[in-house]
Amino acid sequence: MSIVKAALAALILGTAGGSSAAGPDGLISLVSTHSAAETTDRLESAAKERGLTIFARIDHAAGAAEVGQSLRPTTLLIFGNARGGTPLMQQAQTIGIDLPLKALVWQDEGGVVRISYDDPAYLAQRHGLDPRGAVTAALAGALAQLAETAAH
């Protein structure tokens, strides 16, 4: 991947730095200081401000209620853009199963609201790409910044 493409990905996503450690399952999670609804709204706004398309906002708790079951607040936001995703799919088309990007805003049993998303390095490795590559690093920084903006 050329440095130009990496820089373009960073520019599109709004940042080129920062990352969080992921768990063994490839998930990065951070605590939000806001309610689940406000955190999701903040995440959606931050993504739109960076020129990302919101493809879906799925309220799993509402879905559970429709079938007479309960679920703590759990909302999945699906977002991205072709400028960021296409270069990755050109390298490994199978990464399309993990794109567009997703972030889950959820409230745990103790009432703590969290944002969780897939670690781009984990996704890269899963599809045979360099997990330490420039595009992966830029994507990780962008996602970390989106999550931090939504959480605080």
C-alpha atoms as a PDB file:
ATOM      1  CA  MET A   1       0.000   0.000   0.000  1.00  0.00           C
ATOM      2  CA  SER A   2       1.460   3.331  -0.965  1.00  0.00           C
ATOM      3  CA  ILE A   3       1.979   6.085   1.546  1.00  0.00           C
ATOM      4  CA  VAL A   4      -0.331   8.252  -0.587  1.00  0.00           C
ATOM      5  CA  LYS A   5      -3.199   5.784  -0.116  1.00  0.00           C
ATOM      6  CA  ALA A   6      -2.473   5.595   3.618  1.00  0.00           C
ATOM      7  CA  ALA A   7      -2.495   9.372   3.885  1.00  0.00           C
ATOM      8  CA  LEU A   8      -5.726   9.527   1.889  1.00  0.00           C
ATOM      9  CA  ALA A   9      -7.355   7.029   4.247  1.00  0.00           C
ATOM     10  CA  ALA A  10      -6.228   9.058   7.248  1.00  0.00           C
ATOM     11  CA  LEU A  11      -7.511  12.270   5.688  1.00  0.00           C
ATOM     12  CA  ILE A  12     -10.879  10.746   4.827  1.00  0.00           C
ATOM     13  CA  LEU A  13     -11.314   9.315   8.294  1.00  0.00           C
ATOM     14  CA  GLY A  14     -10.087  12.466   9.993  1.00  0.00           C
ATOM     15  CA  THR A  15      -6.938  11.355  11.828  1.00  0.00           C
ATOM     16  CA  ALA A  16      -3.720   9.437  11.558  1.00  0.00           C
ATOM     17  CA  GLY A  17      -2.815   8.660  15.147  1.00  0.00           C
ATOM     18  CA  GLY A  18      -3.750   6.922  18.343  1.00  0.00           C
ATOM     19  CA  SER A  19      -4.966   3.418  19.008  1.00  0.00           C
ATOM     20  CA  SER A  20      -6.245   1.220  21.792  1.00  0.00           C
ATOM     21  CA  ALA A  21      -5.258  -2.258  22.806  1.00  0.00           C
ATOM     22  CA  ALA A  22      -7.645  -4.953  21.690  1.00  0.00           C
ATOM     23  CA  GLY A  23      -8.648  -8.056  23.552  1.00  0.00           C
ATOM     24  CA  PRO A  24      -7.880 -11.516  22.214  1.00  0.00           C
ATOM     25  CA  ASP A  25     -11.202 -11.506  20.380  1.00  0.00           C
ATOM     26  CA  GLY A  26     -10.158  -8.472  18.334  1.00  0.00           C
ATOM     27  CA  LEU A  27     -12.601  -6.129  20.066  1.00  0.00           C
ATOM     28  CA  ILE A  28     -11.669  -2.728  21.392  1.00  0.00           C
ATOM     29  CA  SER A  29     -14.032  -1.373  24.045  1.00  0.00           C
ATOM     30  CA  LEU A  30     -14.100   1.855  25.985  1.00  0.00           C
ATOM     31  CA  VAL A  31     -16.396   3.282  28.622  1.00  0.00           C
ATOM     32  CA  SER A  32     -18.672   6.190  27.766  1.00  0.00           C
ATOM     33  CA  THR A  33     -19.586   8.961  30.175  1.00  0.00           C
ATOM     34  CA  HIS A  34     -22.960   9.372  28.430  1.00  0.00           C
ATOM     35  CA  SER A  35     -26.163   7.339  28.177  1.00  0.00           C
ATOM     36  CA  ALA A  36     -26.328   4.690  25.466  1.00  0.00           C
ATOM     37  CA  ALA A  37     -28.673   6.819  23.338  1.00  0.00           C
ATOM     38  CA  GLU A  38     -26.520   9.935  23.656  1.00  0.00           C
ATOM     39  CA  THR A  39     -23.339   7.945  22.961  1.00  0.00           C
ATOM     40  CA  THR A  40     -24.879   6.506  19.793  1.00  0.00           C
ATOM     41  CA  ASP A  41     -26.047   9.957  18.696  1.00  0.00           C
ATOM     42  CA  ARG A  42     -22.567  11.386  19.340  1.00  0.00           C
ATOM     43  CA  LEU A  43     -20.926   8.548  17.417  1.00  0.00           C
ATOM     44  CA  GLU A  44     -23.251   9.041  14.449  1.00  0.00           C
ATOM     45  CA  SER A  45     -22.641  12.800  14.451  1.00  0.00           C
ATOM     46  CA  ALA A  46     -18.858  12.357  14.649  1.00  0.00           C
ATOM     47  CA  ALA A  47     -18.910   9.902  11.747  1.00  0.00           C
ATOM     48  CA  LYS A  48     -21.038  12.229   9.598  1.00  0.00           C
ATOM     49  CA  GLU A  49     -18.763  15.190  10.421  1.00  0.00           C
ATOM     50  CA  ARG A  50     -15.864  13.173   8.978  1.00  0.00           C
ATOM     51  CA  GLY A  51     -17.752  12.531   5.761  1.00  0.00           C
ATOM     52  CA  LEU A  52     -18.665   8.931   6.514  1.00  0.00           C
ATOM     53  CA  THR A  53     -21.921   7.419   5.343  1.00  0.00           C
ATOM     54  CA  ILE A  54     -24.251   5.946   7.964  1.00  0.00           C
ATOM     55  CA  PHE A  55     -25.574   2.756   6.384  1.00  0.00           C
ATOM     56  CA  ALA A  56     -27.651   1.543   9.320  1.00  0.00           C
ATOM     57  CA  ARG A  57     -28.488   2.133  12.957  1.00  0.00           C
ATOM     58  CA  ILE A  58     -29.841  -1.070  14.434  1.00  0.00           C
ATOM     59  CA  ASP A  59     -31.521  -0.921  17.841  1.00  0.00           C
ATOM     60  CA  HIS A  60     -31.271  -4.477  19.135  1.00  0.00           C
ATOM     61  CA  ALA A  61     -33.196  -3.609  22.315  1.00  0.00           C
ATOM     62  CA  ALA A  62     -36.137  -2.401  20.212  1.00  0.00           C
ATOM     63  CA  GLY A  63     -35.985  -5.625  18.223  1.00  0.00           C
ATOM     64  CA  ALA A  64     -36.057  -7.644  21.424  1.00  0.00           C
ATOM     65  CA  ALA A  65     -39.073  -5.651  22.647  1.00  0.00           C
ATOM     66  CA  GLU A  66     -40.914  -6.429  19.409  1.00  0.00           C
ATOM     67  CA  VAL A  67     -40.769 -10.134  20.256  1.00  0.00           C
ATOM     68  CA  GLY A  68     -41.688  -9.644  23.915  1.00  0.00           C
ATOM     69  CA  GLN A  69     -38.150  -9.917  25.304  1.00  0.00           C
ATOM     70  CA  SER A  70     -35.958  -7.460  27.137  1.00  0.00           C
ATOM     71  CA  LEU A  71     -32.424  -6.384  26.359  1.00  0.00           C
ATOM     72  CA  ARG A  72     -30.334  -3.604  27.862  1.00  0.00           C
ATOM     73  CA  PRO A  73     -29.601  -0.764  25.430  1.00  0.00           C
ATOM     74  CA  THR A  74     -27.630  -2.238  22.518  1.00  0.00           C
ATOM     75  CA  THR A  75     -27.300  -0.325  19.245  1.00  0.00           C
ATOM     76  CA  LEU A  76     -25.138  -1.179  16.242  1.00  0.00           C
ATOM     77  CA  LEU A  77     -23.992   1.652  13.979  1.00  0.00           C
ATOM     78  CA  ILE A  78     -22.722   0.663  10.509  1.00  0.00           C
ATOM     79  CA  PHE A  79     -20.689   3.324   8.698  1.00  0.00           C
ATOM     80  CA  GLY A  80     -17.888   3.957   6.223  1.00  0.00           C
ATOM     81  CA  ASN A  81     -17.102   5.077   2.711  1.00  0.00           C
ATOM     82  CA  ALA A  82     -15.743   3.625  -0.505  1.00  0.00           C
ATOM     83  CA  ARG A  83     -12.539   5.694  -0.416  1.00  0.00           C
ATOM     84  CA  GLY A  84     -11.518   4.010   2.819  1.00  0.00           C
ATOM     85  CA  GLY A  85     -12.799   0.499   2.149  1.00  0.00           C
ATOM     86  CA  THR A  86     -11.969  -0.020  -1.512  1.00  0.00           C
ATOM     87  CA  PRO A  87      -8.158   0.040  -1.106  1.00  0.00           C
ATOM     88  CA  LEU A  88      -8.454  -2.675   1.543  1.00  0.00           C
ATOM     89  CA  MET A  89     -10.729  -4.789  -0.663  1.00  0.00           C
ATOM     90  CA  GLN A  90      -8.304  -4.337  -3.573  1.00  0.00           C
ATOM     91  CA  GLN A  91      -5.674  -6.011  -1.394  1.00  0.00           C
ATOM     92  CA  ALA A  92      -7.934  -8.725   0.060  1.00  0.00           C
ATOM     93  CA  GLN A  93     -11.456  -8.873  -1.291  1.00  0.00           C
ATOM     94  CA  THR A  94     -12.622 -11.040   1.615  1.00  0.00           C
ATOM     95  CA  ILE A  95     -12.318  -8.080   3.977  1.00  0.00           C
ATOM     96  CA  GLY A  96     -15.606  -6.978   2.411  1.00  0.00           C
ATOM     97  CA  ILE A  97     -17.332  -9.313   4.892  1.00  0.00           C
ATOM     98  CA  ASP A  98     -16.133  -6.968   7.665  1.00  0.00           C
ATOM     99  CA  LEU A  99     -16.899  -3.729   5.840  1.00  0.00           C
ATOM    100  CA  PRO A 100     -18.520  -1.283   6.234  1.00  0.00           C
ATOM    101  CA  LEU A 101     -17.196  -0.644   9.716  1.00  0.00           C
ATOM    102  CA  LYS A 102     -19.346  -1.246  12.769  1.00  0.00           C
ATOM    103  CA  ALA A 103     -19.475   0.024  16.332  1.00  0.00           C
ATOM    104  CA  LEU A 104     -21.682  -1.360  19.084  1.00  0.00           C
ATOM    105  CA  VAL A 105     -22.936   0.909  21.856  1.00  0.00           C
ATOM    106  CA  TRP A 106     -24.164  -1.172  24.771  1.00  0.00           C
ATOM    107  CA  GLN A 107     -24.990  -0.971  28.448  1.00  0.00           C
ATOM    108  CA  ASP A 108     -23.597  -3.710  30.655  1.00  0.00           C
ATOM    109  CA  GLU A 109     -25.339  -5.343  33.611  1.00  0.00           C
ATOM    110  CA  GLY A 110     -23.875  -2.702  35.960  1.00  0.00           C
ATOM    111  CA  GLY A 111     -25.309   0.168  33.913  1.00  0.00           C
ATOM    112  CA  VAL A 112     -21.965   1.140  32.369  1.00  0.00           C
ATOM    113  CA  VAL A 113     -22.212   2.240  28.726  1.00  0.00           C
ATOM    114  CA  ARG A 114     -19.480   1.037  26.389  1.00  0.00           C
ATOM    115  CA  ILE A 115     -18.491   1.417  22.751  1.00  0.00           C
ATOM    116  CA  SER A 116     -16.979  -1.664  21.113  1.00  0.00           C
ATOM    117  CA  TYR A 117     -15.535  -2.037  17.630  1.00  0.00           C
ATOM    118  CA  ASP A 118     -13.295  -4.414  15.711  1.00  0.00           C
ATOM    119  CA  ASP A 119      -9.571  -3.712  15.931  1.00  0.00           C
ATOM    120  CA  PRO A 120      -8.440  -2.913  12.362  1.00  0.00           C
ATOM    121  CA  ALA A 121      -5.188  -4.842  12.983  1.00  0.00           C
ATOM    122  CA  TYR A 122      -7.249  -7.908  13.875  1.00  0.00           C
ATOM    123  CA  LEU A 123      -9.335  -7.510  10.711  1.00  0.00           C
ATOM    124  CA  ALA A 124      -6.217  -7.039   8.571  1.00  0.00           C
ATOM    125  CA  GLN A 125      -4.606 -10.147  10.001  1.00  0.00           C
ATOM    126  CA  ARG A 126      -7.825 -12.103   9.565  1.00  0.00           C
ATOM    127  CA  HIS A 127      -7.712 -11.370   5.838  1.00  0.00           C
ATOM    128  CA  GLY A 128      -3.975 -11.832   5.317  1.00  0.00           C
ATOM    129  CA  LEU A 129      -3.071  -8.135   5.264  1.00  0.00           C
ATOM    130  CA  ASP A 130      -0.278  -6.467   7.223  1.00  0.00           C
ATOM    131  CA  PRO A 131      -1.775  -5.646  10.642  1.00  0.00           C
ATOM    132  CA  ARG A 132       0.932  -2.978  11.094  1.00  0.00           C
ATOM    133  CA  GLY A 133       0.440  -1.389   7.663  1.00  0.00           C
ATOM    134  CA  ALA A 134      -0.077   2.326   7.163  1.00  0.00           C
ATOM    135  CA  VAL A 135      -3.725   2.033   6.117  1.00  0.00           C
ATOM    136  CA  THR A 136      -4.495  -0.213   9.090  1.00  0.00           C
ATOM    137  CA  ALA A 137      -2.788   2.231  11.461  1.00  0.00           C
ATOM    138  CA  ALA A 138      -4.666   5.185   9.972  1.00  0.00           C
ATOM    139  CA  LEU A 139      -7.960   3.315  10.284  1.00  0.00           C
ATOM    140  CA  ALA A 140      -7.197   2.361  13.886  1.00  0.00           C
ATOM    141  CA  GLY A 141      -6.465   5.969  14.747  1.00  0.00           C
ATOM    142  CA  ALA A 142      -9.618   7.190  13.071  1.00  0.00           C
ATOM    143  CA  LEU A 143     -11.815   4.655  14.855  1.00  0.00           C
ATOM    144  CA  ALA A 144     -10.193   5.448  18.202  1.00  0.00           C
ATOM    145  CA  GLN A 145     -10.851   9.144  17.653  1.00  0.00           C
ATOM    146  CA  LEU A 146     -14.500   8.516  16.695  1.00  0.00           C
ATOM    147  CA  ALA A 147     -15.022   6.361  19.782  1.00  0.00           C
ATOM    148  CA  GLU A 148     -13.309   8.878  22.087  1.00  0.00           C
ATOM    149  CA  THR A 149     -15.388  11.712  20.651  1.00  0.00           C
ATOM    150  CA  ALA A 150     -18.590   9.761  21.254  1.00  0.00           C
ATOM    151  CA  ALA A 151     -17.604   8.549  24.717  1.00  0.00           C
ATOM    152  CA  HIS A 152     -16.404  11.834  26.272  1.00  0.00           C
END
